[in-house]
Amino acid sequence: MTVRLAFADGPGGRGAAEAELAAFLGRLVRWDKAAVVRLRSAAGEPALGVFGHPPFGGVLAVKSMALRGSGIGEAVEATVSAGELLEALAEAAGGGEFDVPRSVTGPAWAGLLPPRGGWRRESELEGGAVRELAGRVVAEFRARTEALVPEQRTRTELDALAEELWRRPLPAAPAGSPVTLRVVHAAHALGFLPAGGRPEAVAVLSAGSWVRLRTEYGSVAMRGASAASGLSVSPA
C-alpha cells in the first residue's frame, strides 16, 4: 500500500521542510548516486526520522521531519532510494503531499539505527565554535596535503591523513566519551553547521553505545566502536 505523507510548516513557511530535506538528499546523491535512506515513524507519531549513511566512516546522518495530516496515523518502516525520494518531494513543492517510494533491499546499516529514546545530554558546544573547529581542521588537511610532494599525494596517503585528523577527540566532550571530530566533519559536510546559522547550542548526547552531535538542522550519530575504525575519506 502506498503511504502518502506531508510535512508540517516550519519556521521558513510552507514548503521549507521539503526544501531542507531535498538539500540533504541531494548531498547524499552527489556522493553516491545509489544512496538509500531509512524512513522510520510510529503510528500516531508526528515526526518522520530520515537516516542516511554518508561516506564519512562509521556515521549516520539523521533528519527529523515534523508531519501533518493523515500520514501521522501511518507507521513507516522503509528503506528507499534517496534519488527516488528526492523526485517524490517534487510533488510536495509548496507543502503538498508526496508518496513514499517503494522499498528497496537495504544495506546492513539500515537495520542498526540509533535508539528512539534514552538519550542523555553530555555537554553543549556553541555552534559557531564548532563551525570554526571544522574549518580549522579542513584548513590543516589542505595545508598538509599541499606540503606533500606529488608522488605522495596518493589516495592511500590522503585517507591516512584524513583518518588521523578526524579521529581526534571532540574538545569539550565528556571524559571517556568515544565521540571524535568525525561527527563534526560529517555535520559540516552535510550542511548541519551552516555559516550564518543562529548561534544555538550544539548538543553532545549519548545513549548506550551511541553518541550523537545534534544541531537544529540535523544530527550525526555514531556507535562507540566507530570512533577508532571505519572508512576514511578526505575532509571537504
Protein backbone atom coordinates (compact mmCIF):
# COMPACT_ATOMS: atom_id res chain seq x y z
CA MET A 1 0.00 0.00 0.00
CA THR A 2 1.32 3.43 -0.91
CA VAL A 3 1.82 5.77 2.03
CA ARG A 4 1.34 9.48 1.49
CA LEU A 5 2.97 11.98 3.82
CA ALA A 6 3.05 15.73 4.25
CA PHE A 7 5.41 17.81 6.34
CA ALA A 8 4.27 20.41 8.83
CA ASP A 9 5.10 24.02 8.07
CA GLY A 10 8.40 25.05 9.64
CA PRO A 11 9.84 28.43 10.62
CA GLY A 12 10.59 29.06 6.95
CA GLY A 13 6.95 28.71 5.96
CA ARG A 14 5.14 26.23 3.73
CA GLY A 15 7.48 24.19 1.56
CA ALA A 16 10.57 24.97 3.64
CA ALA A 17 10.71 21.49 5.20
CA GLU A 18 10.59 19.82 1.79
CA ALA A 19 13.38 22.08 0.52
CA GLU A 20 15.52 21.34 3.57
CA LEU A 21 15.13 17.57 3.20
CA ALA A 22 15.76 17.83 -0.55
CA ALA A 23 19.05 19.62 0.11
CA PHE A 24 20.12 16.83 2.46
CA LEU A 25 19.15 14.11 -0.02
CA GLY A 26 20.90 15.99 -2.79
CA ARG A 27 24.19 15.86 -0.89
CA LEU A 28 23.85 12.12 -0.33
CA VAL A 29 23.12 11.50 -4.00
CA ARG A 30 26.05 13.62 -5.14
CA TRP A 31 28.39 11.42 -3.10
CA ASP A 32 26.65 8.18 -4.08
CA LYS A 33 24.09 8.01 -6.87
CA ALA A 34 22.81 4.71 -5.43
CA ALA A 35 22.39 6.12 -1.90
CA VAL A 36 19.46 4.89 0.17
CA VAL A 37 17.79 6.32 3.24
CA ARG A 38 15.88 4.64 6.02
CA LEU A 39 12.49 6.14 6.94
CA ARG A 40 11.02 5.46 10.37
CA SER A 41 7.96 6.63 12.26
CA ALA A 42 5.42 5.02 14.58
CA ALA A 43 1.67 5.18 14.07
CA GLY A 44 0.42 8.37 15.68
CA GLU A 45 3.93 9.82 15.93
CA PRO A 46 4.02 13.32 14.38
CA ALA A 47 7.60 13.01 13.13
CA LEU A 48 9.47 11.06 10.48
CA GLY A 49 13.08 10.03 11.04
CA VAL A 50 15.21 10.08 7.87
CA PHE A 51 18.53 8.24 8.23
CA GLY A 52 21.39 8.40 5.73
CA HIS A 53 24.89 6.92 5.59
CA PRO A 54 27.35 9.41 4.09
CA PRO A 55 30.82 8.14 3.14
CA PHE A 56 32.44 9.56 6.26
CA GLY A 57 33.48 6.44 8.08
CA GLY A 58 31.01 4.94 10.50
CA VAL A 59 28.49 7.75 10.99
CA LEU A 60 24.76 8.05 10.39
CA ALA A 61 23.06 11.31 9.50
CA VAL A 62 19.60 11.89 10.95
CA LYS A 63 16.90 14.36 9.94
CA SER A 64 13.70 14.57 11.98
CA MET A 65 10.80 15.91 9.94
CA ALA A 66 7.55 17.06 11.56
CA LEU A 67 4.48 15.54 9.92
CA ARG A 68 0.92 16.77 9.45
CA GLY A 69 -2.30 15.29 8.13
CA SER A 70 -3.34 11.68 7.70
CA GLY A 71 0.25 10.48 7.37
CA ILE A 72 0.64 10.81 11.15
CA GLY A 73 -1.58 7.76 11.55
CA GLU A 74 0.65 5.56 9.38
CA ALA A 75 3.63 3.64 10.71
CA VAL A 76 6.54 3.93 8.30
CA GLU A 77 9.44 1.46 8.23
CA ALA A 78 11.04 1.56 4.80
CA THR A 79 14.41 1.74 3.10
CA VAL A 80 14.09 3.73 -0.12
CA SER A 81 16.27 5.19 -2.85
CA ALA A 82 17.45 8.68 -1.87
CA GLY A 83 17.12 9.72 -5.51
CA GLU A 84 13.55 8.46 -5.77
CA LEU A 85 12.59 10.21 -2.55
CA LEU A 86 14.15 13.39 -3.92
CA GLU A 87 11.97 13.06 -7.02
CA ALA A 88 8.88 12.36 -4.89
CA LEU A 89 9.47 15.55 -2.92
CA ALA A 90 8.98 17.49 -6.14
CA GLU A 91 5.29 16.57 -5.74
CA ALA A 92 5.29 18.34 -2.41
CA ALA A 93 6.64 21.64 -3.71
CA GLY A 94 4.85 24.31 -1.76
CA GLY A 95 3.92 21.98 1.10
CA GLY A 96 1.78 19.30 -0.55
CA GLU A 97 1.65 15.54 -0.02
CA PHE A 98 4.05 13.05 -1.58
CA ASP A 99 4.18 9.27 -1.99
CA VAL A 100 6.79 7.30 -0.07
CA PRO A 101 8.79 5.45 -2.78
CA ARG A 102 8.80 1.66 -2.98
CA SER A 103 11.11 -0.13 -0.56
CA VAL A 104 14.44 -1.49 -1.75
CA THR A 105 16.78 -4.05 -0.28
CA GLY A 106 18.73 -2.09 2.26
CA PRO A 107 22.34 -2.32 3.39
CA ALA A 108 23.32 -3.65 6.81
CA TRP A 109 23.48 -0.20 8.42
CA ALA A 110 19.75 0.34 7.82
CA GLY A 111 19.00 -2.33 10.43
CA LEU A 112 21.32 -0.83 13.06
CA LEU A 113 19.79 2.56 13.79
CA PRO A 114 20.26 4.72 16.87
CA PRO A 115 17.64 4.25 19.60
CA ARG A 116 14.48 6.35 19.59
CA GLY A 117 14.83 7.43 23.20
CA GLY A 118 17.01 7.24 26.26
CA TRP A 119 19.39 9.99 25.14
CA ARG A 120 21.35 11.80 27.85
CA ARG A 121 22.78 15.27 27.29
CA GLU A 122 26.51 15.09 27.96
CA SER A 123 27.61 18.58 27.04
CA GLU A 124 26.85 21.60 24.89
CA LEU A 125 29.05 23.46 22.44
CA GLU A 126 28.47 26.82 20.79
CA GLY A 127 27.53 26.40 17.14
CA GLY A 128 29.96 29.00 15.85
CA ALA A 129 32.83 27.37 17.73
CA VAL A 130 32.03 24.00 16.16
CA ARG A 131 31.96 25.56 12.67
CA GLU A 132 35.33 27.19 13.35
CA LEU A 133 36.72 23.88 14.57
CA ALA A 134 35.60 22.14 11.37
CA GLY A 135 37.12 24.93 9.29
CA ARG A 136 40.46 24.74 11.11
CA VAL A 137 40.80 21.01 10.60
CA VAL A 138 39.82 21.26 6.92
CA ALA A 139 42.44 24.01 6.53
CA GLU A 140 45.04 21.81 8.25
CA PHE A 141 44.22 18.94 5.89
CA ARG A 142 44.66 21.18 2.86
CA ALA A 143 47.92 22.67 4.13
CA ARG A 144 49.41 19.29 4.91
CA THR A 145 48.24 17.94 1.56
CA GLU A 146 49.89 20.82 -0.29
CA ALA A 147 53.11 20.14 1.63
CA LEU A 148 53.33 16.63 0.19
CA VAL A 149 55.41 16.05 -2.89
CA PRO A 150 53.26 14.94 -5.87
CA GLU A 151 54.40 11.32 -5.56
CA GLN A 152 52.99 11.19 -2.01
CA ARG A 153 49.55 12.58 -2.87
CA THR A 154 48.03 9.15 -3.28
CA ARG A 155 44.54 8.15 -2.18
CA THR A 156 46.08 5.94 0.50
CA GLU A 157 48.17 8.81 1.87
CA LEU A 158 45.26 11.26 1.84
CA ASP A 159 42.92 8.78 3.51
CA ALA A 160 45.52 8.13 6.21
CA LEU A 161 45.85 11.87 6.82
CA ALA A 162 42.07 12.31 7.00
CA GLU A 163 41.81 9.41 9.43
CA GLU A 164 44.49 10.98 11.65
CA LEU A 165 42.63 14.29 11.76
CA TRP A 166 39.04 13.14 12.17
CA ARG A 167 39.73 10.51 14.83
CA ARG A 168 40.88 13.21 17.24
CA PRO A 169 38.64 13.54 20.31
CA LEU A 170 35.99 16.22 20.19
CA PRO A 171 37.05 19.07 22.50
CA ALA A 172 34.72 19.56 25.47
CA ALA A 173 33.32 16.04 25.09
CA PRO A 174 32.86 14.28 28.43
CA ALA A 175 35.83 12.33 29.79
CA GLY A 176 35.90 8.81 28.39
CA SER A 177 33.47 9.65 25.58
CA PRO A 178 34.27 7.98 22.24
CA VAL A 179 32.96 10.92 20.21
CA THR A 180 35.53 12.26 17.76
CA LEU A 181 35.88 15.01 15.17
CA ARG A 182 34.40 12.54 12.69
CA VAL A 183 30.93 13.75 13.70
CA VAL A 184 32.00 17.39 13.26
CA HIS A 185 33.30 16.62 9.76
CA ALA A 186 30.03 14.94 8.79
CA ALA A 187 27.88 17.71 10.27
CA HIS A 188 29.94 20.32 8.40
CA ALA A 189 29.78 18.46 5.07
CA LEU A 190 26.06 17.73 5.38
CA GLY A 191 25.11 21.35 5.96
CA PHE A 192 24.14 20.85 9.60
CA LEU A 193 26.51 23.69 10.60
CA PRO A 194 25.64 26.38 8.05
CA ALA A 195 27.51 29.66 8.06
CA GLY A 196 25.28 32.37 9.40
CA GLY A 197 23.15 29.88 11.30
CA ARG A 198 21.64 31.01 14.56
CA PRO A 199 24.14 30.72 17.45
CA GLU A 200 22.24 27.97 19.22
CA ALA A 201 23.98 25.29 21.25
CA VAL A 202 25.17 22.09 19.62
CA ALA A 203 24.38 19.19 21.95
CA VAL A 204 26.52 16.12 22.55
CA LEU A 205 24.23 13.23 23.53
CA SER A 206 24.73 9.58 24.44
CA ALA A 207 22.52 6.50 24.63
CA GLY A 208 24.14 3.15 25.38
CA SER A 209 26.98 2.65 22.88
CA TRP A 210 25.75 5.51 20.67
CA VAL A 211 26.93 9.12 20.70
CA ARG A 212 25.33 11.94 18.78
CA LEU A 213 26.05 15.53 17.76
CA ARG A 214 22.74 17.38 17.39
CA THR A 215 22.17 20.76 15.79
CA GLU A 216 18.91 22.42 14.84
CA TYR A 217 19.48 21.28 11.25
CA GLY A 218 20.13 17.60 11.90
CA SER A 219 22.18 15.08 13.84
CA VAL A 220 25.20 12.88 13.25
CA ALA A 221 25.32 9.66 15.27
CA MET A 222 27.99 7.01 15.66
CA ARG A 223 28.47 3.91 17.73
CA GLY A 224 31.32 3.94 20.21
CA ALA A 225 33.37 1.40 18.29
CA SER A 226 33.23 3.62 15.20
CA ALA A 227 35.47 6.18 16.86
CA ALA A 228 38.52 4.07 16.15
CA SER A 229 37.55 2.33 12.94
CA GLY A 230 35.70 2.71 9.67
CA LEU A 231 36.31 4.09 6.23
CA SER A 232 38.17 7.36 6.00
CA VAL A 233 37.76 10.00 3.33
CA SER A 234 39.36 13.31 2.64
CA PRO A 235 37.84 16.28 4.53
CA ALA A 236 35.68 18.52 2.38
